Amino acid sequence: AAGFSIVGYTGNGTAGSTIGTGLSAPAEMIIVKSTSNSDNWWTWHKGLTSIDYYLTLNNTTDETYFAGNIFGGTLPTSSVFSVGADFSTNGLNNELIAYCWHSVPGYSKIDSYVGDGGTNNFISTGFEPAFVMIKRTDDPSNWRIFDNKRGTQKELYPNSSAAQPPSVSYINFNDLGFTLTSSGGWINNLNGKFIYMAFATS
């Protein structure tokens, strides 16, 4: 009902294998992590160029092309997502955990936007966010988390162990979304491509 599931599975090394999500709609963002091996947090988001691209939550790199090998080259359905033969998401006997989300009107929004290079770029979610995570996909940059408990003038980077930096002025939360108040390349660069996930107060 919340558009979120947690799935544990063991890799079989076979390209095209599918993993049940337990969701009622196709996953729009998936994060997979090995629990038995040191590895990246392999991430797919519907705002990437295609299912053949991925990001890693623990790195600043931009989207990377790896045809069919991470998420199987097939878009998620309302019940499963696909994996390739690569060890990262489906290595033989690799123990893995997957976190899967889809948007729920009024509660969550998983989407993308293009930067306008200005200081008043409104992104509609249909609700007032309590949490927003943003990542630029066409250029290396931090993943950036903003929330209403610390105040939107503070950010954290899930790809870094760094402490919270000094207050910034990049984003404001509004009744129906959030406004980007910076033209910076890490959040609103002109024609830059960005993905985000946003959640309302429960």
N, C-alpha and C. Protein backbone atom coordinates (compact mmCIF):
# COMPACT_ATOMS: atom_id res chain seq x y z
N ALA A 1 0.82 -1.21 0.00
CA ALA A 1 0.00 0.00 0.00
C ALA A 1 0.85 1.26 0.00
N ALA A 2 2.04 1.19 0.60
CA ALA A 2 2.94 2.34 0.65
C ALA A 2 3.88 2.39 -0.55
N GLY A 3 3.72 1.45 -1.49
CA GLY A 3 4.56 1.46 -2.67
C GLY A 3 6.00 1.10 -2.41
N PHE A 4 6.24 0.27 -1.39
CA PHE A 4 7.61 -0.07 -1.00
C PHE A 4 7.67 -1.53 -0.60
N SER A 5 8.69 -2.24 -1.07
CA SER A 5 8.89 -3.62 -0.65
C SER A 5 10.37 -3.89 -0.43
N ILE A 6 10.65 -4.88 0.39
CA ILE A 6 12.00 -5.33 0.67
C ILE A 6 12.07 -6.80 0.32
N VAL A 7 13.00 -7.16 -0.56
CA VAL A 7 13.05 -8.51 -1.11
C VAL A 7 14.44 -9.10 -0.90
N GLY A 8 14.50 -10.26 -0.28
CA GLY A 8 15.76 -10.99 -0.18
C GLY A 8 15.77 -12.13 -1.18
N TYR A 9 16.91 -12.33 -1.86
CA TYR A 9 16.99 -13.43 -2.83
C TYR A 9 18.44 -13.88 -2.99
N THR A 10 18.60 -15.06 -3.56
CA THR A 10 19.92 -15.64 -3.83
C THR A 10 20.13 -15.69 -5.33
N GLY A 11 21.22 -15.13 -5.81
CA GLY A 11 21.49 -15.12 -7.24
C GLY A 11 21.69 -16.51 -7.81
N ASN A 12 21.30 -16.67 -9.09
CA ASN A 12 21.49 -17.96 -9.77
C ASN A 12 22.41 -17.86 -10.98
N GLY A 13 22.89 -16.65 -11.30
CA GLY A 13 23.82 -16.48 -12.40
C GLY A 13 23.20 -16.60 -13.78
N THR A 14 21.88 -16.65 -13.86
CA THR A 14 21.20 -16.82 -15.15
C THR A 14 20.59 -15.52 -15.63
N ALA A 15 21.01 -15.04 -16.78
CA ALA A 15 20.47 -13.81 -17.35
C ALA A 15 18.98 -13.95 -17.60
N GLY A 16 18.23 -12.88 -17.32
CA GLY A 16 16.79 -12.88 -17.57
C GLY A 16 15.97 -13.41 -16.42
N SER A 17 16.60 -13.78 -15.32
CA SER A 17 15.85 -14.23 -14.16
C SER A 17 15.01 -13.08 -13.62
N THR A 18 13.89 -13.42 -12.98
CA THR A 18 13.02 -12.40 -12.43
C THR A 18 12.90 -12.57 -10.92
N ILE A 19 12.71 -11.43 -10.25
CA ILE A 19 12.60 -11.38 -8.80
C ILE A 19 11.25 -10.78 -8.45
N GLY A 20 10.45 -11.46 -7.66
CA GLY A 20 9.15 -10.94 -7.25
C GLY A 20 9.31 -9.74 -6.34
N THR A 21 8.44 -8.75 -6.52
CA THR A 21 8.52 -7.53 -5.71
C THR A 21 7.42 -7.44 -4.65
N GLY A 22 6.30 -8.09 -4.87
CA GLY A 22 5.18 -7.94 -3.94
C GLY A 22 4.45 -6.63 -4.09
N LEU A 23 4.81 -5.84 -5.10
CA LEU A 23 4.16 -4.54 -5.32
C LEU A 23 2.92 -4.72 -6.19
N SER A 24 2.09 -3.66 -6.23
CA SER A 24 0.89 -3.69 -7.06
C SER A 24 1.04 -2.88 -8.34
N ALA A 25 2.22 -2.31 -8.55
CA ALA A 25 2.53 -1.53 -9.75
C ALA A 25 4.01 -1.71 -10.04
N PRO A 26 4.45 -1.45 -11.28
CA PRO A 26 5.87 -1.62 -11.60
C PRO A 26 6.76 -0.75 -10.73
N ALA A 27 7.85 -1.34 -10.26
CA ALA A 27 8.83 -0.58 -9.48
C ALA A 27 9.39 0.55 -10.34
N GLU A 28 9.54 1.72 -9.74
CA GLU A 28 10.10 2.88 -10.43
C GLU A 28 11.52 3.20 -9.96
N MET A 29 11.90 2.60 -8.85
CA MET A 29 13.27 2.71 -8.36
C MET A 29 13.60 1.42 -7.62
N ILE A 30 14.80 0.89 -7.88
CA ILE A 30 15.25 -0.35 -7.26
C ILE A 30 16.69 -0.16 -6.81
N ILE A 31 16.98 -0.55 -5.58
CA ILE A 31 18.35 -0.56 -5.07
C ILE A 31 18.67 -1.98 -4.63
N VAL A 32 19.75 -2.54 -5.16
CA VAL A 32 20.15 -3.92 -4.83
C VAL A 32 21.53 -3.89 -4.19
N LYS A 33 21.68 -4.66 -3.09
CA LYS A 33 22.97 -4.73 -2.38
C LYS A 33 23.25 -6.17 -1.98
N SER A 34 24.45 -6.63 -2.26
CA SER A 34 24.87 -7.94 -1.77
C SER A 34 25.06 -7.87 -0.26
N THR A 35 24.57 -8.91 0.43
CA THR A 35 24.78 -9.00 1.88
C THR A 35 25.89 -10.00 2.21
N SER A 36 26.35 -10.72 1.20
CA SER A 36 27.38 -11.73 1.44
C SER A 36 28.73 -11.32 0.85
N ASN A 37 28.76 -10.22 0.09
CA ASN A 37 30.00 -9.77 -0.53
C ASN A 37 30.09 -8.24 -0.48
N SER A 38 31.31 -7.73 -0.45
CA SER A 38 31.51 -6.29 -0.56
C SER A 38 31.21 -5.87 -1.99
N ASP A 39 30.30 -4.94 -2.17
CA ASP A 39 29.91 -4.54 -3.52
C ASP A 39 29.17 -3.21 -3.44
N ASN A 40 28.91 -2.64 -4.61
CA ASN A 40 28.19 -1.38 -4.70
C ASN A 40 26.72 -1.55 -4.35
N TRP A 41 26.05 -0.42 -4.15
CA TRP A 41 24.60 -0.36 -4.04
C TRP A 41 24.07 -0.07 -5.45
N TRP A 42 23.69 -1.12 -6.17
CA TRP A 42 23.30 -1.00 -7.57
C TRP A 42 21.88 -0.43 -7.66
N THR A 43 21.73 0.64 -8.43
CA THR A 43 20.49 1.41 -8.42
C THR A 43 19.97 1.66 -9.82
N TRP A 44 18.67 1.40 -9.98
CA TRP A 44 17.97 1.78 -11.22
C TRP A 44 16.80 2.69 -10.85
N HIS A 45 16.54 3.66 -11.71
CA HIS A 45 15.45 4.62 -11.53
C HIS A 45 14.82 4.85 -12.89
N LYS A 46 13.51 5.00 -12.92
CA LYS A 46 12.82 5.15 -14.20
C LYS A 46 13.25 6.38 -14.98
N GLY A 47 13.91 7.35 -14.30
CA GLY A 47 14.37 8.55 -14.97
C GLY A 47 15.70 8.39 -15.68
N LEU A 48 16.34 7.23 -15.57
CA LEU A 48 17.58 6.99 -16.31
C LEU A 48 17.27 6.81 -17.80
N THR A 49 18.28 6.84 -18.63
CA THR A 49 18.07 6.78 -20.07
C THR A 49 17.29 5.55 -20.49
N SER A 50 17.59 4.41 -19.89
CA SER A 50 16.84 3.18 -20.15
C SER A 50 17.14 2.17 -19.05
N ILE A 51 16.54 1.01 -19.13
CA ILE A 51 16.78 -0.05 -18.15
C ILE A 51 18.21 -0.58 -18.24
N ASP A 52 18.92 -0.27 -19.32
CA ASP A 52 20.30 -0.72 -19.50
C ASP A 52 21.31 0.19 -18.80
N TYR A 53 20.83 1.22 -18.12
CA TYR A 53 21.71 2.13 -17.37
C TYR A 53 21.51 1.93 -15.88
N TYR A 54 22.54 2.28 -15.11
CA TYR A 54 22.44 2.17 -13.66
C TYR A 54 23.24 3.27 -12.99
N LEU A 55 22.96 3.48 -11.71
CA LEU A 55 23.75 4.32 -10.83
C LEU A 55 24.18 3.47 -9.65
N THR A 56 25.10 3.99 -8.84
CA THR A 56 25.44 3.33 -7.58
C THR A 56 25.27 4.35 -6.46
N LEU A 57 24.47 3.96 -5.46
CA LEU A 57 24.13 4.87 -4.37
C LEU A 57 25.35 5.29 -3.57
N ASN A 58 26.38 4.47 -3.56
CA ASN A 58 27.58 4.76 -2.76
C ASN A 58 28.65 5.53 -3.53
N ASN A 59 28.34 5.96 -4.76
CA ASN A 59 29.31 6.70 -5.57
C ASN A 59 28.70 7.96 -6.16
N THR A 60 29.53 8.85 -6.67
CA THR A 60 29.06 10.10 -7.28
C THR A 60 28.96 10.00 -8.80
N THR A 61 29.31 8.87 -9.39
CA THR A 61 29.36 8.74 -10.84
C THR A 61 28.01 8.99 -11.49
N ASP A 62 28.05 9.42 -12.75
CA ASP A 62 26.82 9.60 -13.51
C ASP A 62 26.33 8.24 -14.00
N GLU A 63 25.19 8.22 -14.71
CA GLU A 63 24.63 6.96 -15.13
C GLU A 63 25.59 6.22 -16.06
N THR A 64 25.60 4.90 -15.95
CA THR A 64 26.52 4.05 -16.69
C THR A 64 25.75 3.02 -17.50
N TYR A 65 26.18 2.81 -18.73
CA TYR A 65 25.53 1.84 -19.62
C TYR A 65 26.17 0.47 -19.47
N PHE A 66 25.33 -0.54 -19.28
CA PHE A 66 25.82 -1.92 -19.17
C PHE A 66 24.68 -2.82 -19.63
N ALA A 67 24.55 -2.97 -20.93
CA ALA A 67 23.35 -3.55 -21.56
C ALA A 67 22.96 -4.89 -20.95
N GLY A 68 21.79 -4.93 -20.33
CA GLY A 68 21.18 -6.17 -19.89
C GLY A 68 21.84 -6.88 -18.74
N ASN A 69 22.96 -6.38 -18.24
CA ASN A 69 23.74 -7.17 -17.29
C ASN A 69 23.41 -6.89 -15.83
N ILE A 70 22.86 -5.71 -15.52
CA ILE A 70 22.54 -5.40 -14.13
C ILE A 70 21.06 -5.67 -13.86
N PHE A 71 20.18 -5.01 -14.61
CA PHE A 71 18.75 -5.19 -14.41
C PHE A 71 18.07 -5.87 -15.59
N GLY A 72 18.81 -6.73 -16.25
CA GLY A 72 18.22 -7.68 -17.18
C GLY A 72 17.73 -7.15 -18.51
N GLY A 73 17.84 -5.84 -18.75
CA GLY A 73 17.41 -5.30 -20.03
C GLY A 73 15.90 -5.28 -20.22
N THR A 74 15.14 -5.53 -19.15
CA THR A 74 13.68 -5.57 -19.23
C THR A 74 13.09 -4.73 -18.11
N LEU A 75 12.17 -3.84 -18.46
CA LEU A 75 11.56 -2.98 -17.45
C LEU A 75 10.77 -3.80 -16.43
N PRO A 76 10.69 -3.33 -15.19
CA PRO A 76 9.90 -4.03 -14.19
C PRO A 76 8.42 -4.11 -14.59
N THR A 77 7.77 -5.16 -14.16
CA THR A 77 6.32 -5.30 -14.31
C THR A 77 5.67 -5.01 -12.96
N SER A 78 4.37 -5.20 -12.88
CA SER A 78 3.67 -4.95 -11.62
C SER A 78 4.00 -5.98 -10.55
N SER A 79 4.73 -7.04 -10.91
CA SER A 79 5.02 -8.08 -9.93
C SER A 79 6.48 -8.49 -9.82
N VAL A 80 7.31 -8.19 -10.84
CA VAL A 80 8.70 -8.63 -10.81
C VAL A 80 9.63 -7.56 -11.38
N PHE A 81 10.93 -7.68 -11.07
CA PHE A 81 11.97 -6.98 -11.83
C PHE A 81 12.95 -8.03 -12.32
N SER A 82 13.68 -7.70 -13.37
CA SER A 82 14.60 -8.65 -13.99
C SER A 82 16.04 -8.34 -13.60
N VAL A 83 16.87 -9.37 -13.67
CA VAL A 83 18.31 -9.22 -13.42
C VAL A 83 19.08 -9.92 -14.53
N GLY A 84 20.29 -9.44 -14.77
CA GLY A 84 21.16 -10.07 -15.75
C GLY A 84 21.98 -11.16 -15.11
N ALA A 85 23.06 -11.53 -15.78
CA ALA A 85 23.93 -12.59 -15.26
C ALA A 85 25.09 -12.04 -14.44
N ASP A 86 25.23 -10.71 -14.41
CA ASP A 86 26.36 -10.11 -13.71
C ASP A 86 26.30 -10.42 -12.21
N PHE A 87 27.46 -10.60 -11.60
CA PHE A 87 27.52 -10.97 -10.19
C PHE A 87 26.85 -9.93 -9.29
N SER A 88 26.88 -8.68 -9.72
CA SER A 88 26.39 -7.58 -8.89
C SER A 88 24.96 -7.76 -8.42
N THR A 89 24.08 -8.22 -9.28
CA THR A 89 22.67 -8.38 -8.92
C THR A 89 22.16 -9.82 -9.04
N ASN A 90 23.01 -10.74 -9.56
CA ASN A 90 22.52 -12.10 -9.75
C ASN A 90 23.64 -13.13 -9.78
N GLY A 91 24.75 -12.87 -9.10
CA GLY A 91 25.83 -13.84 -9.08
C GLY A 91 25.42 -15.14 -8.42
N LEU A 92 25.92 -16.23 -8.92
CA LEU A 92 25.58 -17.54 -8.37
C LEU A 92 25.89 -17.58 -6.87
N ASN A 93 24.87 -17.88 -6.09
CA ASN A 93 24.95 -17.97 -4.63
C ASN A 93 25.23 -16.65 -3.93
N ASN A 94 25.16 -15.55 -4.66
CA ASN A 94 25.30 -14.23 -4.05
C ASN A 94 24.01 -13.92 -3.28
N GLU A 95 24.12 -13.64 -1.99
CA GLU A 95 22.95 -13.28 -1.19
C GLU A 95 22.70 -11.78 -1.34
N LEU A 96 21.46 -11.43 -1.70
CA LEU A 96 21.16 -10.04 -2.06
C LEU A 96 19.88 -9.56 -1.38
N ILE A 97 19.84 -8.25 -1.17
CA ILE A 97 18.62 -7.59 -0.69
C ILE A 97 18.26 -6.51 -1.69
N ALA A 98 16.96 -6.38 -1.99
CA ALA A 98 16.49 -5.36 -2.93
C ALA A 98 15.43 -4.51 -2.27
N TYR A 99 15.54 -3.20 -2.46
CA TYR A 99 14.54 -2.25 -1.99
C TYR A 99 13.85 -1.68 -3.23
N CYS A 100 12.53 -1.79 -3.29
CA CYS A 100 11.77 -1.44 -4.49
C CYS A 100 10.67 -0.44 -4.15
N TRP A 101 10.51 0.56 -4.99
CA TRP A 101 9.48 1.58 -4.76
C TRP A 101 8.70 1.87 -6.04
N HIS A 102 7.44 2.26 -5.86
CA HIS A 102 6.69 2.96 -6.91
C HIS A 102 5.95 4.12 -6.26
N SER A 103 5.59 5.11 -7.04
CA SER A 103 4.90 6.30 -6.53
C SER A 103 3.50 5.95 -6.04
N VAL A 104 3.08 6.64 -4.99
CA VAL A 104 1.73 6.54 -4.45
C VAL A 104 1.17 7.96 -4.37
N PRO A 105 0.11 8.28 -5.12
CA PRO A 105 -0.41 9.65 -5.12
C PRO A 105 -0.67 10.18 -3.72
N GLY A 106 -0.18 11.38 -3.47
CA GLY A 106 -0.39 12.01 -2.18
C GLY A 106 0.59 11.60 -1.11
N TYR A 107 1.42 10.60 -1.40
CA TYR A 107 2.36 10.10 -0.39
C TYR A 107 3.80 10.06 -0.88
N SER A 108 4.02 9.61 -2.12
CA SER A 108 5.39 9.51 -2.63
C SER A 108 5.41 9.82 -4.11
N LYS A 109 6.57 10.29 -4.58
CA LYS A 109 6.74 10.58 -6.00
C LYS A 109 8.17 10.23 -6.39
N ILE A 110 8.29 9.37 -7.39
CA ILE A 110 9.58 8.97 -7.93
C ILE A 110 9.60 9.41 -9.37
N ASP A 111 10.44 10.38 -9.69
CA ASP A 111 10.35 11.00 -11.01
C ASP A 111 11.69 11.67 -11.36
N SER A 112 11.67 12.48 -12.39
CA SER A 112 12.87 13.16 -12.86
C SER A 112 12.51 14.57 -13.32
N TYR A 113 13.52 15.40 -13.49
CA TYR A 113 13.30 16.75 -14.02
C TYR A 113 14.55 17.20 -14.76
N VAL A 114 14.39 18.25 -15.55
CA VAL A 114 15.50 18.87 -16.27
C VAL A 114 15.75 20.23 -15.65
N GLY A 115 17.00 20.52 -15.33
CA GLY A 115 17.33 21.80 -14.72
C GLY A 115 17.06 22.97 -15.65
N ASP A 116 16.65 24.11 -15.07
CA ASP A 116 16.40 25.30 -15.89
C ASP A 116 17.45 26.39 -15.69
N GLY A 117 18.43 26.14 -14.81
CA GLY A 117 19.51 27.10 -14.61
C GLY A 117 19.10 28.34 -13.86
N GLY A 118 17.88 28.35 -13.29
CA GLY A 118 17.39 29.53 -12.59
C GLY A 118 17.36 29.32 -11.09
N THR A 119 16.58 30.17 -10.41
CA THR A 119 16.49 30.10 -8.95
C THR A 119 15.05 29.97 -8.48
N ASN A 120 14.17 29.48 -9.38
CA ASN A 120 12.75 29.33 -9.01
C ASN A 120 12.12 28.19 -9.81
N ASN A 121 12.79 27.05 -9.82
CA ASN A 121 12.34 25.90 -10.61
C ASN A 121 11.44 25.02 -9.74
N PHE A 122 10.12 25.08 -9.99
CA PHE A 122 9.16 24.34 -9.17
C PHE A 122 8.98 22.93 -9.72
N ILE A 123 9.11 21.94 -8.84
CA ILE A 123 8.91 20.53 -9.19
C ILE A 123 7.67 20.04 -8.45
N SER A 124 6.65 19.65 -9.19
CA SER A 124 5.38 19.25 -8.59
C SER A 124 5.41 17.79 -8.16
N THR A 125 4.99 17.55 -6.93
CA THR A 125 4.83 16.18 -6.43
C THR A 125 3.38 15.86 -6.10
N GLY A 126 2.55 16.90 -5.92
CA GLY A 126 1.16 16.71 -5.53
C GLY A 126 0.95 16.70 -4.03
N PHE A 127 2.02 16.90 -3.26
CA PHE A 127 1.96 16.93 -1.80
C PHE A 127 3.16 17.71 -1.28
N GLU A 128 3.10 18.08 0.00
CA GLU A 128 4.26 18.74 0.60
C GLU A 128 5.26 17.68 1.06
N PRO A 129 6.47 17.69 0.54
CA PRO A 129 7.45 16.65 0.92
C PRO A 129 7.94 16.81 2.34
N ALA A 130 8.29 15.67 2.94
CA ALA A 130 9.04 15.67 4.19
C ALA A 130 10.49 15.27 3.93
N PHE A 131 10.72 14.58 2.81
CA PHE A 131 12.03 14.04 2.45
C PHE A 131 12.16 14.09 0.93
N VAL A 132 13.30 14.56 0.45
CA VAL A 132 13.60 14.53 -0.98
C VAL A 132 15.06 14.11 -1.16
N MET A 133 15.29 13.15 -2.05
CA MET A 133 16.65 12.77 -2.45
C MET A 133 16.80 13.02 -3.94
N ILE A 134 17.87 13.70 -4.32
CA ILE A 134 18.11 14.12 -5.71
C ILE A 134 19.49 13.65 -6.15
N LYS A 135 19.58 13.23 -7.42
CA LYS A 135 20.87 12.86 -8.01
C LYS A 135 20.92 13.32 -9.45
N ARG A 136 21.97 14.03 -9.82
CA ARG A 136 22.19 14.35 -11.23
C ARG A 136 22.68 13.11 -11.94
N THR A 137 22.13 12.82 -13.12
CA THR A 137 22.46 11.57 -13.81
C THR A 137 23.39 11.74 -15.00
N ASP A 138 23.58 12.96 -15.49
CA ASP A 138 24.40 13.16 -16.68
C ASP A 138 25.76 13.77 -16.37
N ASP A 139 26.10 13.84 -15.08
CA ASP A 139 27.39 14.40 -14.68
C ASP A 139 27.67 13.92 -13.26
N PRO A 140 28.91 13.60 -12.90
CA PRO A 140 29.20 13.13 -11.55
C PRO A 140 28.80 14.16 -10.49
N SER A 141 28.13 13.71 -9.44
CA SER A 141 27.74 14.60 -8.35
C SER A 141 27.26 13.75 -7.18
N ASN A 142 27.18 14.37 -6.00
CA ASN A 142 26.66 13.68 -4.83
C ASN A 142 25.17 13.38 -4.98
N TRP A 143 24.73 12.31 -4.33
CA TRP A 143 23.33 12.13 -4.02
C TRP A 143 23.04 13.11 -2.88
N ARG A 144 21.92 13.83 -2.92
CA ARG A 144 21.64 14.86 -1.92
C ARG A 144 20.30 14.60 -1.26
N ILE A 145 20.30 14.58 0.07
CA ILE A 145 19.09 14.35 0.85
C ILE A 145 18.73 15.62 1.62
N PHE A 146 17.46 16.02 1.46
CA PHE A 146 16.90 17.14 2.20
C PHE A 146 15.67 16.63 2.96
N ASP A 147 15.42 17.17 4.16
CA ASP A 147 14.23 16.75 4.90
C ASP A 147 13.74 17.90 5.78
N ASN A 148 12.50 17.74 6.29
CA ASN A 148 11.89 18.82 7.05
C ASN A 148 12.19 18.77 8.54
N LYS A 149 12.94 17.80 8.99
CA LYS A 149 13.32 17.73 10.39
C LYS A 149 14.60 18.53 10.65
N ARG A 150 15.55 18.44 9.75
CA ARG A 150 16.77 19.23 9.88
C ARG A 150 16.59 20.61 9.27
N GLY A 151 15.54 20.77 8.43
CA GLY A 151 15.33 22.01 7.69
C GLY A 151 15.91 21.86 6.30
N THR A 152 15.23 22.43 5.33
CA THR A 152 15.64 22.20 3.93
C THR A 152 16.91 22.94 3.55
N GLN A 153 17.46 23.73 4.45
CA GLN A 153 18.73 24.41 4.16
C GLN A 153 19.94 23.58 4.57
N LYS A 154 19.70 22.31 4.89
CA LYS A 154 20.79 21.41 5.25
C LYS A 154 20.66 20.14 4.41
N GLU A 155 21.79 19.53 4.08
CA GLU A 155 21.77 18.35 3.22
C GLU A 155 22.74 17.30 3.75
N LEU A 156 22.49 16.05 3.35
CA LEU A 156 23.39 14.94 3.63
C LEU A 156 23.64 14.19 2.33
N TYR A 157 24.77 13.48 2.27
CA TYR A 157 25.15 12.75 1.06
C TYR A 157 25.24 11.26 1.39
N PRO A 158 24.31 10.43 0.90
CA PRO A 158 24.39 9.00 1.21
C PRO A 158 25.60 8.30 0.62
N ASN A 159 26.27 8.93 -0.35
CA ASN A 159 27.47 8.34 -0.94
C ASN A 159 28.74 8.72 -0.17
N SER A 160 28.58 9.45 0.94
CA SER A 160 29.74 9.97 1.65
C SER A 160 29.55 9.81 3.16
N SER A 161 30.66 9.67 3.86
CA SER A 161 30.63 9.62 5.32
C SER A 161 30.81 11.01 5.93
N ALA A 162 30.86 12.05 5.09
CA ALA A 162 31.09 13.41 5.56
C ALA A 162 29.98 13.89 6.49
N ALA A 163 30.34 14.76 7.42
CA ALA A 163 29.35 15.38 8.29
C ALA A 163 28.46 16.32 7.48
N GLN A 164 27.33 16.67 8.04
CA GLN A 164 26.43 17.62 7.41
C GLN A 164 27.17 18.93 7.17
N PRO A 165 27.19 19.43 5.93
CA PRO A 165 27.89 20.69 5.66
C PRO A 165 27.11 21.89 6.19
N PRO A 166 27.72 23.09 6.18
CA PRO A 166 27.02 24.29 6.62
C PRO A 166 25.74 24.50 5.82
N SER A 167 24.86 25.34 6.36
CA SER A 167 23.58 25.60 5.72
C SER A 167 23.76 26.07 4.28
N VAL A 168 22.84 25.62 3.42
CA VAL A 168 22.87 25.97 2.00
C VAL A 168 21.51 26.53 1.62
N SER A 169 21.40 27.06 0.44
CA SER A 169 20.12 27.58 -0.05
C SER A 169 19.86 27.01 -1.43
N TYR A 170 19.42 25.76 -1.47
CA TYR A 170 19.22 25.07 -2.73
C TYR A 170 17.76 24.72 -3.00
N ILE A 171 16.94 24.55 -1.94
CA ILE A 171 15.63 23.95 -2.11
C ILE A 171 14.68 24.42 -1.01
N ASN A 172 13.40 24.60 -1.36
CA ASN A 172 12.34 24.86 -0.40
C ASN A 172 11.20 23.88 -0.65
N PHE A 173 10.58 23.38 0.41
CA PHE A 173 9.40 22.53 0.28
C PHE A 173 8.15 23.41 0.25
N ASN A 174 7.19 23.03 -0.61
CA ASN A 174 5.94 23.76 -0.77
C ASN A 174 4.77 22.81 -0.60
N ASP A 175 3.56 23.36 -0.57
CA ASP A 175 2.36 22.54 -0.38
C ASP A 175 2.22 21.45 -1.43
N LEU A 176 2.68 21.70 -2.65
CA LEU A 176 2.48 20.75 -3.75
C LEU A 176 3.77 20.28 -4.39
N GLY A 177 4.89 20.47 -3.70
CA GLY A 177 6.15 20.01 -4.28
C GLY A 177 7.33 20.70 -3.64
N PHE A 178 8.35 20.96 -4.46
CA PHE A 178 9.53 21.65 -3.96
C PHE A 178 10.07 22.58 -5.03
N THR A 179 10.71 23.65 -4.58
CA THR A 179 11.27 24.65 -5.49
C THR A 179 12.79 24.65 -5.36
N LEU A 180 13.46 24.56 -6.49
CA LEU A 180 14.91 24.62 -6.54
C LEU A 180 15.31 26.08 -6.59
N THR A 181 16.04 26.54 -5.58
CA THR A 181 16.38 27.95 -5.46
C THR A 181 17.83 28.24 -5.82
N SER A 182 18.49 27.26 -6.43
CA SER A 182 19.88 27.43 -6.86
C SER A 182 20.03 27.01 -8.31
N SER A 183 20.90 27.68 -9.02
CA SER A 183 21.20 27.32 -10.40
C SER A 183 22.39 26.38 -10.48
N GLY A 184 22.87 25.91 -9.33
CA GLY A 184 24.06 25.08 -9.27
C GLY A 184 23.94 23.80 -10.09
N GLY A 185 25.07 23.38 -10.67
CA GLY A 185 25.09 22.21 -11.52
C GLY A 185 24.73 20.93 -10.81
N TRP A 186 24.86 20.90 -9.49
CA TRP A 186 24.58 19.70 -8.71
C TRP A 186 23.09 19.51 -8.44
N ILE A 187 22.26 20.55 -8.76
CA ILE A 187 20.83 20.43 -8.45
C ILE A 187 19.91 21.04 -9.50
N ASN A 188 20.40 22.01 -10.29
CA ASN A 188 19.50 22.70 -11.23
C ASN A 188 20.23 23.27 -12.43
N ASN A 189 21.33 22.65 -12.84
CA ASN A 189 22.08 23.13 -13.99
C ASN A 189 21.20 23.17 -15.24
N LEU A 190 21.36 24.21 -16.05
CA LEU A 190 20.57 24.33 -17.27
C LEU A 190 20.71 23.08 -18.14
N ASN A 191 19.57 22.46 -18.42
CA ASN A 191 19.47 21.23 -19.22
C ASN A 191 20.10 20.00 -18.56
N GLY A 192 20.52 20.14 -17.32
CA GLY A 192 21.00 18.96 -16.59
C GLY A 192 19.86 17.99 -16.31
N LYS A 193 20.18 16.71 -16.23
CA LYS A 193 19.17 15.68 -15.99
C LYS A 193 19.29 15.18 -14.55
N PHE A 194 18.15 15.16 -13.87
CA PHE A 194 18.13 14.83 -12.45
C PHE A 194 17.00 13.83 -12.16
N ILE A 195 17.25 12.92 -11.23
CA ILE A 195 16.21 12.04 -10.72
C ILE A 195 15.96 12.40 -9.26
N TYR A 196 14.77 12.03 -8.77
CA TYR A 196 14.49 12.27 -7.36
C TYR A 196 13.49 11.27 -6.84
N MET A 197 13.44 11.13 -5.52
CA MET A 197 12.36 10.46 -4.83
C MET A 197 11.95 11.34 -3.67
N ALA A 198 10.63 11.50 -3.50
CA ALA A 198 10.10 12.38 -2.48
C ALA A 198 9.01 11.66 -1.70
N PHE A 199 8.95 11.93 -0.39
CA PHE A 199 7.94 11.33 0.47
C PHE A 199 7.29 12.41 1.32
N ALA A 200 5.99 12.26 1.54
CA ALA A 200 5.25 13.17 2.41
C ALA A 200 5.36 12.70 3.85
N THR A 201 4.96 13.55 4.77
CA THR A 201 4.86 13.14 6.16
C THR A 201 3.79 12.06 6.27
N SER A 202 4.10 10.97 6.94
CA SER A 202 3.15 9.86 7.04
C SER A 202 2.00 10.19 7.97
